Amino acid sequence: MTETIDPICALCGRPIPEGVPQSQHHLIPKLRGGKGGPTVLLHHLCHREIHATLTENELAREWNTPEKLRTHPRLEKFIGWIRKRPPDFDSRVPGKRRR
C-alpha cells in the first residue's frame, strides 16, 4: 500500500488533506499581469484571508511571494491563529476587512 503525502499550504505550512477545499493563488494577480505566472497551492481559507487583507494592486506591487505574505502583520497574526487548528479546519472569513 502506498502512502500519499498531503500537499503543504504555502501560507500556513499545514498539510492540505484530501477533500479539504484548496485553491491556486496567483502570486501576481491575473488582472495585474500575472496570467500564466507562478501560483502556489493554499488552503481555501488561507487564500480567502489573503484577498480579504490585500488589494490586487498591493499583491502585485509588494506582497508577491509566500515569504513576503507571511511577513504581513495581519497575515502573521492569522497564521499564528490558524496553525493551532487541525489541517481540515474551515471557517467563514467575514466580508472584506481591508482598510
PDB file of N, CA and C in Angstrom:
ATOM      1  N   MET A   1       0.844  -1.182   0.000  1.00  0.00           N
ATOM      2  CA  MET A   1       0.000   0.000   0.000  1.00  0.00           C
ATOM      3  C   MET A   1       0.891   1.248   0.000  1.00  0.00           C
ATOM      4  N   THR A   2       0.600   2.174  -0.883  1.00  0.00           N
ATOM      5  CA  THR A   2       1.389   3.393  -0.988  1.00  0.00           C
ATOM      6  C   THR A   2       0.779   4.489  -0.134  1.00  0.00           C
ATOM      7  N   GLU A   3       1.617   5.151   0.610  1.00  0.00           N
ATOM      8  CA  GLU A   3       1.156   6.246   1.456  1.00  0.00           C
ATOM      9  C   GLU A   3       1.199   7.543   0.652  1.00  0.00           C
ATOM     10  N   THR A   4       0.092   8.268   0.665  1.00  0.00           N
ATOM     11  CA  THR A   4       0.055   9.549  -0.043  1.00  0.00           C
ATOM     12  C   THR A   4       0.471  10.647   0.920  1.00  0.00           C
ATOM     13  N   ILE A   5       1.245  11.558   0.424  1.00  0.00           N
ATOM     14  CA  ILE A   5       1.665  12.690   1.237  1.00  0.00           C
ATOM     15  C   ILE A   5       0.832  13.890   0.827  1.00  0.00           C
ATOM     16  N   ASP A   6       0.185  14.496   1.816  1.00  0.00           N
ATOM     17  CA  ASP A   6      -0.647  15.664   1.542  1.00  0.00           C
ATOM     18  C   ASP A   6       0.228  16.850   1.139  1.00  0.00           C
ATOM     19  N   PRO A   7      -0.246  17.661   0.182  1.00  0.00           N
ATOM     20  CA  PRO A   7       0.493  18.880  -0.168  1.00  0.00           C
ATOM     21  C   PRO A   7       0.486  19.839   1.026  1.00  0.00           C
ATOM     22  N   ILE A   8       1.421  20.754   1.038  1.00  0.00           N
ATOM     23  CA  ILE A   8       1.567  21.719   2.126  1.00  0.00           C
ATOM     24  C   ILE A   8       1.114  23.100   1.649  1.00  0.00           C
ATOM     25  N   CYS A   9       0.337  23.780   2.471  1.00  0.00           N
ATOM     26  CA  CYS A   9      -0.127  25.142   2.169  1.00  0.00           C
ATOM     27  C   CYS A   9       1.066  26.096   2.193  1.00  0.00           C
ATOM     28  N   ALA A  10       1.206  26.892   1.146  1.00  0.00           N
ATOM     29  CA  ALA A  10       2.333  27.819   1.026  1.00  0.00           C
ATOM     30  C   ALA A  10       2.246  28.980   2.011  1.00  0.00           C
ATOM     31  N   LEU A  11       1.065  29.231   2.596  1.00  0.00           N
ATOM     32  CA  LEU A  11       0.950  30.324   3.554  1.00  0.00           C
ATOM     33  C   LEU A  11       1.140  29.830   4.981  1.00  0.00           C
ATOM     34  N   CYS A  12       0.319  28.875   5.415  1.00  0.00           N
ATOM     35  CA  CYS A  12       0.343  28.471   6.830  1.00  0.00           C
ATOM     36  C   CYS A  12       1.283  27.312   7.121  1.00  0.00           C
ATOM     37  N   GLY A  13       1.702  26.581   6.091  1.00  0.00           N
ATOM     38  CA  GLY A  13       2.632  25.484   6.295  1.00  0.00           C
ATOM     39  C   GLY A  13       1.996  24.192   6.790  1.00  0.00           C
ATOM     40  N   ARG A  14       0.659  24.163   6.908  1.00  0.00           N
ATOM     41  CA  ARG A  14      -0.029  22.949   7.351  1.00  0.00           C
ATOM     42  C   ARG A  14      -0.349  22.085   6.136  1.00  0.00           C
ATOM     43  N   PRO A  15      -0.466  20.763   6.342  1.00  0.00           N
ATOM     44  CA  PRO A  15      -0.867  19.889   5.234  1.00  0.00           C
ATOM     45  C   PRO A  15      -2.279  20.230   4.743  1.00  0.00           C
ATOM     46  N   ILE A  16      -2.540  19.929   3.485  1.00  0.00           N
ATOM     47  CA  ILE A  16      -3.879  20.082   2.908  1.00  0.00           C
ATOM     48  C   ILE A  16      -4.388  18.681   2.608  1.00  0.00           C
ATOM     49  N   PRO A  17      -5.147  18.082   3.553  1.00  0.00           N
ATOM     50  CA  PRO A  17      -5.625  16.709   3.346  1.00  0.00           C
ATOM     51  C   PRO A  17      -6.591  16.617   2.164  1.00  0.00           C
ATOM     52  N   GLU A  18      -6.692  15.413   1.617  1.00  0.00           N
ATOM     53  CA  GLU A  18      -7.621  15.163   0.523  1.00  0.00           C
ATOM     54  C   GLU A  18      -9.034  15.552   0.963  1.00  0.00           C
ATOM     55  N   GLY A  19      -9.760  16.205   0.084  1.00  0.00           N
ATOM     56  CA  GLY A  19     -11.136  16.595   0.373  1.00  0.00           C
ATOM     57  C   GLY A  19     -11.274  17.956   1.035  1.00  0.00           C
ATOM     58  N   VAL A  20     -10.163  18.549   1.475  1.00  0.00           N
ATOM     59  CA  VAL A  20     -10.213  19.877   2.094  1.00  0.00           C
ATOM     60  C   VAL A  20     -10.162  20.916   0.980  1.00  0.00           C
ATOM     61  N   PRO A  21     -11.028  21.946   1.028  1.00  0.00           N
ATOM     62  CA  PRO A  21     -11.006  22.968  -0.021  1.00  0.00           C
ATOM     63  C   PRO A  21      -9.621  23.601  -0.154  1.00  0.00           C
ATOM     64  N   GLN A  22      -9.161  23.671  -1.390  1.00  0.00           N
ATOM     65  CA  GLN A  22      -7.857  24.247  -1.685  1.00  0.00           C
ATOM     66  C   GLN A  22      -7.967  25.080  -2.940  1.00  0.00           C
ATOM     67  N   SER A  23      -7.008  25.956  -3.147  1.00  0.00           N
ATOM     68  CA  SER A  23      -7.028  26.762  -4.364  1.00  0.00           C
ATOM     69  C   SER A  23      -5.616  27.201  -4.732  1.00  0.00           C
ATOM     70  N   GLN A  24      -5.470  27.524  -5.999  1.00  0.00           N
ATOM     71  CA  GLN A  24      -4.208  28.054  -6.514  1.00  0.00           C
ATOM     72  C   GLN A  24      -4.253  29.577  -6.392  1.00  0.00           C
ATOM     73  N   HIS A  25      -3.203  30.155  -5.826  1.00  0.00           N
ATOM     74  CA  HIS A  25      -3.103  31.601  -5.685  1.00  0.00           C
ATOM     75  C   HIS A  25      -2.067  32.115  -6.677  1.00  0.00           C
ATOM     76  N   HIS A  26      -2.470  33.023  -7.544  1.00  0.00           N
ATOM     77  CA  HIS A  26      -1.527  33.668  -8.461  1.00  0.00           C
ATOM     78  C   HIS A  26      -0.720  34.672  -7.647  1.00  0.00           C
ATOM     79  N   LEU A  27       0.587  34.506  -7.621  1.00  0.00           N
ATOM     80  CA  LEU A  27       1.418  35.403  -6.821  1.00  0.00           C
ATOM     81  C   LEU A  27       1.317  36.839  -7.313  1.00  0.00           C
ATOM     82  N   ILE A  28       1.173  37.015  -8.606  1.00  0.00           N
ATOM     83  CA  ILE A  28       0.823  38.332  -9.167  1.00  0.00           C
ATOM     84  C   ILE A  28      -0.575  38.137  -9.750  1.00  0.00           C
ATOM     85  N   PRO A  29      -1.554  38.901  -9.269  1.00  0.00           N
ATOM     86  CA  PRO A  29      -2.932  38.698  -9.741  1.00  0.00           C
ATOM     87  C   PRO A  29      -3.040  38.725 -11.262  1.00  0.00           C
ATOM     88  N   LYS A  30      -3.930  37.886 -11.775  1.00  0.00           N
ATOM     89  CA  LYS A  30      -4.121  37.782 -13.224  1.00  0.00           C
ATOM     90  C   LYS A  30      -4.432  39.144 -13.843  1.00  0.00           C
ATOM     91  N   LEU A  31      -5.233  39.940 -13.158  1.00  0.00           N
ATOM     92  CA  LEU A  31      -5.616  41.248 -13.698  1.00  0.00           C
ATOM     93  C   LEU A  31      -4.481  42.264 -13.639  1.00  0.00           C
ATOM     94  N   ARG A  32      -3.386  41.905 -12.991  1.00  0.00           N
ATOM     95  CA  ARG A  32      -2.235  42.807 -12.883  1.00  0.00           C
ATOM     96  C   ARG A  32      -1.014  42.219 -13.589  1.00  0.00           C
ATOM     97  N   GLY A  33      -1.251  41.358 -14.592  1.00  0.00           N
ATOM     98  CA  GLY A  33      -0.172  40.825 -15.407  1.00  0.00           C
ATOM     99  C   GLY A  33       0.321  39.446 -15.003  1.00  0.00           C
ATOM    100  N   GLY A  34      -0.369  38.795 -14.061  1.00  0.00           N
ATOM    101  CA  GLY A  34       0.101  37.503 -13.578  1.00  0.00           C
ATOM    102  C   GLY A  34      -0.498  36.300 -14.272  1.00  0.00           C
ATOM    103  N   LYS A  35      -1.316  36.512 -15.321  1.00  0.00           N
ATOM    104  CA  LYS A  35      -1.912  35.369 -16.020  1.00  0.00           C
ATOM    105  C   LYS A  35      -0.794  34.504 -16.598  1.00  0.00           C
ATOM    106  N   GLY A  36      -0.820  33.229 -16.264  1.00  0.00           N
ATOM    107  CA  GLY A  36       0.227  32.328 -16.710  1.00  0.00           C
ATOM    108  C   GLY A  36       1.479  32.386 -15.848  1.00  0.00           C
ATOM    109  N   GLY A  37       1.472  33.249 -14.828  1.00  0.00           N
ATOM    110  CA  GLY A  37       2.624  33.376 -13.940  1.00  0.00           C
ATOM    111  C   GLY A  37       2.601  32.329 -12.842  1.00  0.00           C
ATOM    112  N   PRO A  38       3.539  32.419 -11.910  1.00  0.00           N
ATOM    113  CA  PRO A  38       3.642  31.413 -10.852  1.00  0.00           C
ATOM    114  C   PRO A  38       2.437  31.426  -9.908  1.00  0.00           C
ATOM    115  N   THR A  39       2.072  30.229  -9.466  1.00  0.00           N
ATOM    116  CA  THR A  39       0.984  30.068  -8.498  1.00  0.00           C
ATOM    117  C   THR A  39       1.483  29.190  -7.358  1.00  0.00           C
ATOM    118  N   VAL A  40       0.789  29.273  -6.222  1.00  0.00           N
ATOM    119  CA  VAL A  40       1.068  28.400  -5.084  1.00  0.00           C
ATOM    120  C   VAL A  40      -0.245  27.798  -4.606  1.00  0.00           C
ATOM    121  N   LEU A  41      -0.158  26.604  -4.045  1.00  0.00           N
ATOM    122  CA  LEU A  41      -1.331  25.916  -3.522  1.00  0.00           C
ATOM    123  C   LEU A  41      -1.570  26.349  -2.079  1.00  0.00           C
ATOM    124  N   LEU A  42      -2.815  26.682  -1.776  1.00  0.00           N
ATOM    125  CA  LEU A  42      -3.192  27.147  -0.432  1.00  0.00           C
ATOM    126  C   LEU A  42      -4.470  26.453   0.022  1.00  0.00           C
ATOM    127  N   HIS A  43      -4.654  26.382   1.349  1.00  0.00           N
ATOM    128  CA  HIS A  43      -5.991  26.070   1.861  1.00  0.00           C
ATOM    129  C   HIS A  43      -6.892  27.176   1.324  1.00  0.00           C
ATOM    130  N   HIS A  44      -8.124  26.842   0.999  1.00  0.00           N
ATOM    131  CA  HIS A  44      -9.038  27.866   0.507  1.00  0.00           C
ATOM    132  C   HIS A  44      -9.221  28.967   1.553  1.00  0.00           C
ATOM    133  N   LEU A  45      -9.236  28.584   2.823  1.00  0.00           N
ATOM    134  CA  LEU A  45      -9.376  29.552   3.914  1.00  0.00           C
ATOM    135  C   LEU A  45      -8.201  30.537   3.926  1.00  0.00           C
ATOM    136  N   CYS A  46      -6.990  30.039   3.733  1.00  0.00           N
ATOM    137  CA  CYS A  46      -5.811  30.911   3.692  1.00  0.00           C
ATOM    138  C   CYS A  46      -5.877  31.851   2.487  1.00  0.00           C
ATOM    139  N   HIS A  47      -6.338  31.318   1.358  1.00  0.00           N
ATOM    140  CA  HIS A  47      -6.470  32.133   0.145  1.00  0.00           C
ATOM    141  C   HIS A  47      -7.477  33.260   0.361  1.00  0.00           C
ATOM    142  N   ARG A  48      -8.605  32.938   0.966  1.00  0.00           N
ATOM    143  CA  ARG A  48      -9.613  33.971   1.235  1.00  0.00           C
ATOM    144  C   ARG A  48      -9.065  35.047   2.168  1.00  0.00           C
ATOM    145  N   GLU A  49      -8.265  34.641   3.152  1.00  0.00           N
ATOM    146  CA  GLU A  49      -7.696  35.614   4.087  1.00  0.00           C
ATOM    147  C   GLU A  49      -6.745  36.574   3.383  1.00  0.00           C
ATOM    148  N   ILE A  50      -5.954  36.065   2.455  1.00  0.00           N
ATOM    149  CA  ILE A  50      -5.051  36.933   1.688  1.00  0.00           C
ATOM    150  C   ILE A  50      -5.853  38.001   0.956  1.00  0.00           C
ATOM    151  N   HIS A  51      -6.927  37.581   0.276  1.00  0.00           N
ATOM    152  CA  HIS A  51      -7.707  38.539  -0.518  1.00  0.00           C
ATOM    153  C   HIS A  51      -8.603  39.417   0.343  1.00  0.00           C
ATOM    154  N   ALA A  52      -8.901  39.010   1.565  1.00  0.00           N
ATOM    155  CA  ALA A  52      -9.645  39.875   2.494  1.00  0.00           C
ATOM    156  C   ALA A  52      -8.717  40.931   3.084  1.00  0.00           C
ATOM    157  N   THR A  53      -7.416  40.681   3.015  1.00  0.00           N
ATOM    158  CA  THR A  53      -6.431  41.569   3.631  1.00  0.00           C
ATOM    159  C   THR A  53      -5.821  42.554   2.644  1.00  0.00           C
ATOM    160  N   LEU A  54      -5.521  42.100   1.440  1.00  0.00           N
ATOM    161  CA  LEU A  54      -4.750  42.905   0.489  1.00  0.00           C
ATOM    162  C   LEU A  54      -5.503  43.116  -0.817  1.00  0.00           C
ATOM    163  N   THR A  55      -5.286  44.266  -1.428  1.00  0.00           N
ATOM    164  CA  THR A  55      -5.879  44.553  -2.735  1.00  0.00           C
ATOM    165  C   THR A  55      -5.037  43.890  -3.828  1.00  0.00           C
ATOM    166  N   GLU A  56      -5.601  43.806  -5.019  1.00  0.00           N
ATOM    167  CA  GLU A  56      -4.869  43.247  -6.164  1.00  0.00           C
ATOM    168  C   GLU A  56      -3.600  44.068  -6.433  1.00  0.00           C
ATOM    169  N   ASN A  57      -3.703  45.391  -6.320  1.00  0.00           N
ATOM    170  CA  ASN A  57      -2.526  46.242  -6.547  1.00  0.00           C
ATOM    171  C   ASN A  57      -1.447  45.977  -5.497  1.00  0.00           C
ATOM    172  N   GLU A  58      -1.838  45.850  -4.233  1.00  0.00           N
ATOM    173  CA  GLU A  58      -0.859  45.566  -3.173  1.00  0.00           C
ATOM    174  C   GLU A  58      -0.188  44.215  -3.408  1.00  0.00           C
ATOM    175  N   LEU A  59      -0.997  43.223  -3.806  1.00  0.00           N
ATOM    176  CA  LEU A  59      -0.440  41.894  -4.080  1.00  0.00           C
ATOM    177  C   LEU A  59       0.563  41.954  -5.231  1.00  0.00           C
ATOM    178  N   ALA A  60       0.232  42.678  -6.282  1.00  0.00           N
ATOM    179  CA  ALA A  60       1.116  42.757  -7.452  1.00  0.00           C
ATOM    180  C   ALA A  60       2.397  43.524  -7.139  1.00  0.00           C
ATOM    181  N   ARG A  61       2.268  44.625  -6.414  1.00  0.00           N
ATOM    182  CA  ARG A  61       3.412  45.502  -6.151  1.00  0.00           C
ATOM    183  C   ARG A  61       4.364  44.967  -5.090  1.00  0.00           C
ATOM    184  N   GLU A  62       3.816  44.527  -3.968  1.00  0.00           N
ATOM    185  CA  GLU A  62       4.685  44.279  -2.815  1.00  0.00           C
ATOM    186  C   GLU A  62       4.591  42.879  -2.219  1.00  0.00           C
ATOM    187  N   TRP A  63       3.420  42.285  -2.199  1.00  0.00           N
ATOM    188  CA  TRP A  63       3.198  41.033  -1.466  1.00  0.00           C
ATOM    189  C   TRP A  63       3.087  39.860  -2.438  1.00  0.00           C
ATOM    190  N   ASN A  64       4.106  39.669  -3.274  1.00  0.00           N
ATOM    191  CA  ASN A  64       4.010  38.726  -4.389  1.00  0.00           C
ATOM    192  C   ASN A  64       4.847  37.458  -4.236  1.00  0.00           C
ATOM    193  N   THR A  65       5.200  37.102  -3.010  1.00  0.00           N
ATOM    194  CA  THR A  65       5.841  35.809  -2.736  1.00  0.00           C
ATOM    195  C   THR A  65       5.250  35.259  -1.439  1.00  0.00           C
ATOM    196  N   PRO A  66       5.282  33.942  -1.255  1.00  0.00           N
ATOM    197  CA  PRO A  66       4.799  33.394   0.011  1.00  0.00           C
ATOM    198  C   PRO A  66       5.584  33.947   1.201  1.00  0.00           C
ATOM    199  N   GLU A  67       6.890  34.147   1.018  1.00  0.00           N
ATOM    200  CA  GLU A  67       7.721  34.667   2.106  1.00  0.00           C
ATOM    201  C   GLU A  67       7.267  36.068   2.515  1.00  0.00           C
ATOM    202  N   LYS A  68       7.011  36.922   1.540  1.00  0.00           N
ATOM    203  CA  LYS A  68       6.554  38.281   1.845  1.00  0.00           C
ATOM    204  C   LYS A  68       5.171  38.251   2.489  1.00  0.00           C
ATOM    205  N   LEU A  69       4.264  37.416   1.957  1.00  0.00           N
ATOM    206  CA  LEU A  69       2.919  37.321   2.528  1.00  0.00           C
ATOM    207  C   LEU A  69       2.979  36.931   3.999  1.00  0.00           C
ATOM    208  N   ARG A  70       3.868  36.005   4.339  1.00  0.00           N
ATOM    209  CA  ARG A  70       3.966  35.549   5.730  1.00  0.00           C
ATOM    210  C   ARG A  70       4.483  36.630   6.664  1.00  0.00           C
ATOM    211  N   THR A  71       5.067  37.725   6.133  1.00  0.00           N
ATOM    212  CA  THR A  71       5.562  38.806   6.995  1.00  0.00           C
ATOM    213  C   THR A  71       4.561  39.948   7.150  1.00  0.00           C
ATOM    214  N   HIS A  72       3.459  39.913   6.414  1.00  0.00           N
ATOM    215  CA  HIS A  72       2.443  40.961   6.560  1.00  0.00           C
ATOM    216  C   HIS A  72       1.867  40.866   7.979  1.00  0.00           C
ATOM    217  N   PRO A  73       1.799  41.965   8.717  1.00  0.00           N
ATOM    218  CA  PRO A  73       1.364  41.911  10.120  1.00  0.00           C
ATOM    219  C   PRO A  73       0.025  41.196  10.334  1.00  0.00           C
ATOM    220  N   ARG A  74      -0.950  41.494   9.525  1.00  0.00           N
ATOM    221  CA  ARG A  74      -2.265  40.858   9.690  1.00  0.00           C
ATOM    222  C   ARG A  74      -2.214  39.370   9.351  1.00  0.00           C
ATOM    223  N   LEU A  75      -1.477  39.014   8.283  1.00  0.00           N
ATOM    224  CA  LEU A  75      -1.365  37.614   7.902  1.00  0.00           C
ATOM    225  C   LEU A  75      -0.512  36.834   8.905  1.00  0.00           C
ATOM    226  N   GLU A  76       0.504  37.487   9.504  1.00  0.00           N
ATOM    227  CA  GLU A  76       1.283  36.845  10.565  1.00  0.00           C
ATOM    228  C   GLU A  76       0.361  36.425  11.710  1.00  0.00           C
ATOM    229  N   LYS A  77      -0.532  37.332  12.092  1.00  0.00           N
ATOM    230  CA  LYS A  77      -1.473  37.046  13.183  1.00  0.00           C
ATOM    231  C   LYS A  77      -2.412  35.894  12.787  1.00  0.00           C
ATOM    232  N   PHE A  78      -2.918  35.934  11.556  1.00  0.00           N
ATOM    233  CA  PHE A  78      -3.786  34.869  11.060  1.00  0.00           C
ATOM    234  C   PHE A  78      -3.057  33.530  11.071  1.00  0.00           C
ATOM    235  N   ILE A  79      -1.814  33.508  10.598  1.00  0.00           N
ATOM    236  CA  ILE A  79      -1.034  32.265  10.542  1.00  0.00           C
ATOM    237  C   ILE A  79      -0.833  31.704  11.949  1.00  0.00           C
ATOM    238  N   GLY A  80      -0.526  32.571  12.908  1.00  0.00           N
ATOM    239  CA  GLY A  80      -0.380  32.113  14.293  1.00  0.00           C
ATOM    240  C   GLY A  80      -1.649  31.473  14.806  1.00  0.00           C
ATOM    241  N   TRP A  81      -2.787  32.038  14.429  1.00  0.00           N
ATOM    242  CA  TRP A  81      -4.085  31.519  14.857  1.00  0.00           C
ATOM    243  C   TRP A  81      -4.427  30.209  14.147  1.00  0.00           C
ATOM    244  N   ILE A  82      -4.252  30.166  12.828  1.00  0.00           N
ATOM    245  CA  ILE A  82      -4.677  29.007  12.042  1.00  0.00           C
ATOM    246  C   ILE A  82      -3.781  27.792  12.298  1.00  0.00           C
ATOM    247  N   ARG A  83      -2.530  28.015  12.628  1.00  0.00           N
ATOM    248  CA  ARG A  83      -1.621  26.882  12.888  1.00  0.00           C
ATOM    249  C   ARG A  83      -2.040  26.070  14.116  1.00  0.00           C
ATOM    250  N   LYS A  84      -2.871  26.646  14.964  1.00  0.00           N
ATOM    251  CA  LYS A  84      -3.365  25.932  16.147  1.00  0.00           C
ATOM    252  C   LYS A  84      -4.588  25.073  15.812  1.00  0.00           C
ATOM    253  N   ARG A  85      -5.073  25.178  14.576  1.00  0.00           N
ATOM    254  CA  ARG A  85      -6.248  24.420  14.142  1.00  0.00           C
ATOM    255  C   ARG A  85      -5.807  23.189  13.349  1.00  0.00           C
ATOM    256  N   PRO A  86      -6.663  22.159  13.310  1.00  0.00           N
ATOM    257  CA  PRO A  86      -6.323  20.977  12.503  1.00  0.00           C
ATOM    258  C   PRO A  86      -6.305  21.333  11.010  1.00  0.00           C
ATOM    259  N   PRO A  87      -5.565  20.564  10.198  1.00  0.00           N
ATOM    260  CA  PRO A  87      -5.442  20.873   8.772  1.00  0.00           C
ATOM    261  C   PRO A  87      -6.766  20.916   8.015  1.00  0.00           C
ATOM    262  N   ASP A  88      -7.798  20.219   8.517  1.00  0.00           N
ATOM    263  CA  ASP A  88      -9.080  20.224   7.805  1.00  0.00           C
ATOM    264  C   ASP A  88     -10.045  21.274   8.353  1.00  0.00           C
ATOM    265  N   PHE A  89      -9.559  22.159   9.218  1.00  0.00           N
ATOM    266  CA  PHE A  89     -10.398  23.218   9.793  1.00  0.00           C
ATOM    267  C   PHE A  89     -10.866  24.164   8.696  1.00  0.00           C
ATOM    268  N   ASP A  90     -12.125  24.572   8.767  1.00  0.00           N
ATOM    269  CA  ASP A  90     -12.650  25.567   7.840  1.00  0.00           C
ATOM    270  C   ASP A  90     -13.516  26.530   8.619  1.00  0.00           C
ATOM    271  N   SER A  91     -13.532  27.750   8.206  1.00  0.00           N
ATOM    272  CA  SER A  91     -14.299  28.791   8.877  1.00  0.00           C
ATOM    273  C   SER A  91     -14.655  29.848   7.848  1.00  0.00           C
ATOM    274  N   ARG A  92     -15.695  30.551   8.123  1.00  0.00           N
ATOM    275  CA  ARG A  92     -16.048  31.657   7.237  1.00  0.00           C
ATOM    276  C   ARG A  92     -15.130  32.831   7.510  1.00  0.00           C
ATOM    277  N   VAL A  93     -14.692  33.474   6.447  1.00  0.00           N
ATOM    278  CA  VAL A  93     -13.949  34.724   6.575  1.00  0.00           C
ATOM    279  C   VAL A  93     -14.968  35.817   6.331  1.00  0.00           C
ATOM    280  N   PRO A  94     -15.152  36.723   7.305  1.00  0.00           N
ATOM    281  CA  PRO A  94     -16.144  37.782   7.095  1.00  0.00           C
ATOM    282  C   PRO A  94     -15.807  38.588   5.837  1.00  0.00           C
ATOM    283  N   GLY A  95     -16.713  39.456   5.449  1.00  0.00           N
ATOM    284  CA  GLY A  95     -16.503  40.282   4.266  1.00  0.00           C
ATOM    285  C   GLY A  95     -15.170  41.004   4.292  1.00  0.00           C
ATOM    286  N   LYS A  96     -14.928  41.805   3.313  1.00  0.00           N
ATOM    287  CA  LYS A  96     -13.643  42.484   3.186  1.00  0.00           C
ATOM    288  C   LYS A  96     -13.301  43.244   4.458  1.00  0.00           C
ATOM    289  N   ARG A  97     -12.030  43.120   4.863  1.00  0.00           N
ATOM    290  CA  ARG A  97     -11.597  43.789   6.070  1.00  0.00           C
ATOM    291  C   ARG A  97     -10.428  44.718   5.784  1.00  0.00           C
ATOM    292  N   ARG A  98     -10.206  45.027   4.526  1.00  0.00           N
ATOM    293  CA  ARG A  98      -9.108  45.926   4.182  1.00  0.00           C
ATOM    294  C   ARG A  98      -9.398  47.303   4.721  1.00  0.00           C
ATOM    295  N   ARG A  99      -8.343  48.030   5.004  1.00  0.00           N
ATOM    296  CA  ARG A  99      -8.508  49.434   5.424  1.00  0.00           C
ATOM    297  C   ARG A  99      -7.998  50.345   4.351  1.00  0.00           C
TER     298      ARG A  99
END
